[in-house]
Amino acid sequence: MLAGCIFVPHTSSNYNAECEIYERKMTLESYQVGTLSGCSNDGCVALLAAAGVVSAASAVVSGSVVVTGNVVYWLEKKGACLNAKGKSG
């Protein structure tokens, strides 16, 4: 029995009192979308290939979203921290 997985981006946030903002961070989470059992011969090979392609595609697309999102969140944090330090100084 084999499982098919997809990867999706997940955003979490924490309050940063020094910068007075909620810092956001993206991570990849995997979800099992189905299992393959009881298949045989060519049908099983086709199902395994399709599951592998879908899993790899979701990892690439979602991974790109996570990297881009984290860069944007990092820039947002840096800007907010500079503003917060400018106000207090």
Protein backbone atom coordinates (compact mmCIF):
# COMPACT_ATOMS: atom_id res chain seq x y z
CA MET A 1 0.00 0.00 0.00
CA LEU A 2 1.42 3.40 -1.02
CA ALA A 3 0.18 6.90 -0.22
CA GLY A 4 -0.14 9.89 -2.54
CA CYS A 5 0.85 13.24 -1.04
CA ILE A 6 0.54 16.87 -2.01
CA PHE A 7 2.39 19.84 -0.56
CA VAL A 8 0.67 23.09 0.36
CA PRO A 9 1.99 26.35 1.82
CA HIS A 10 1.04 27.23 5.40
CA THR A 11 1.44 30.68 6.98
CA SER A 12 2.01 31.21 10.70
CA SER A 13 2.48 34.48 12.56
CA ASN A 14 4.07 35.66 15.82
CA TYR A 15 4.02 39.10 17.38
CA ASN A 16 7.39 40.90 17.46
CA ALA A 17 7.16 43.55 20.19
CA GLU A 18 10.46 45.18 19.21
CA CYS A 19 9.24 45.95 15.70
CA GLU A 20 5.56 46.20 16.69
CA ILE A 21 4.40 43.86 13.93
CA TYR A 22 3.16 40.35 13.42
CA GLU A 23 5.96 38.42 11.73
CA ARG A 24 4.68 35.92 9.20
CA LYS A 25 6.48 32.80 8.04
CA MET A 26 5.53 30.26 5.42
CA THR A 27 6.30 26.55 5.56
CA LEU A 28 5.41 23.54 3.43
CA GLU A 29 2.99 20.99 4.80
CA SER A 30 2.32 17.62 3.25
CA TYR A 31 -1.10 16.03 3.13
CA GLN A 32 -1.94 12.47 2.22
CA VAL A 33 -4.62 12.52 -0.45
CA GLY A 34 -5.09 8.84 -1.06
CA THR A 35 -3.64 5.38 -0.91
CA LEU A 36 -2.92 2.89 -3.62
CA SER A 37 -3.66 -0.70 -2.77
CA GLY A 38 -4.75 -3.73 -4.66
CA CYS A 39 -3.43 -2.62 -8.04
CA SER A 40 -1.41 -4.82 -10.33
CA ASN A 41 0.83 -4.71 -13.38
CA ASP A 42 0.58 -1.75 -15.77
CA GLY A 43 -2.31 -0.13 -13.91
CA CYS A 44 -0.21 0.12 -10.77
CA VAL A 45 2.73 1.58 -12.65
CA ALA A 46 0.52 4.25 -14.21
CA LEU A 47 -1.01 5.17 -10.84
CA LEU A 48 2.42 5.38 -9.21
CA ALA A 49 3.76 7.56 -12.02
CA ALA A 50 0.76 9.90 -11.83
CA ALA A 51 1.02 10.17 -8.04
CA GLY A 52 4.74 10.93 -8.34
CA VAL A 53 4.17 13.65 -10.94
CA VAL A 54 1.40 15.30 -8.90
CA SER A 55 3.48 15.15 -5.71
CA ALA A 56 6.57 16.61 -7.40
CA ALA A 57 4.58 19.35 -9.14
CA SER A 58 2.87 20.39 -5.91
CA ALA A 59 6.26 20.46 -4.13
CA VAL A 60 7.81 22.68 -6.83
CA VAL A 61 4.88 25.10 -7.11
CA SER A 62 4.21 25.32 -3.37
CA GLY A 63 7.93 25.53 -2.61
CA SER A 64 8.22 28.50 -4.95
CA VAL A 65 5.28 30.19 -3.25
CA VAL A 66 6.87 29.61 0.18
CA VAL A 67 10.26 31.02 -0.85
CA THR A 68 8.70 34.09 -2.48
CA GLY A 69 6.35 34.64 0.45
CA ASN A 70 9.14 34.41 3.00
CA VAL A 71 11.25 36.94 1.07
CA VAL A 72 8.31 39.37 1.00
CA TYR A 73 7.62 38.82 4.73
CA TRP A 74 11.32 39.34 5.53
CA LEU A 75 11.36 42.64 3.60
CA GLU A 76 8.15 43.70 5.31
CA LYS A 77 9.69 42.95 8.73
CA LYS A 78 12.88 44.86 7.92
CA GLY A 79 10.89 47.90 6.81
CA ALA A 80 8.67 47.82 9.90
CA CYS A 81 11.68 47.45 12.21
CA LEU A 82 13.41 50.44 10.59
CA ASN A 83 10.23 52.50 11.02
CA ALA A 84 9.83 51.39 14.65
CA LYS A 85 13.45 52.25 15.46
CA GLY A 86 13.10 55.61 13.67
CA LYS A 87 10.06 56.50 15.79
CA SER A 88 11.76 55.64 19.10
CA GLY A 89 15.14 57.21 18.26
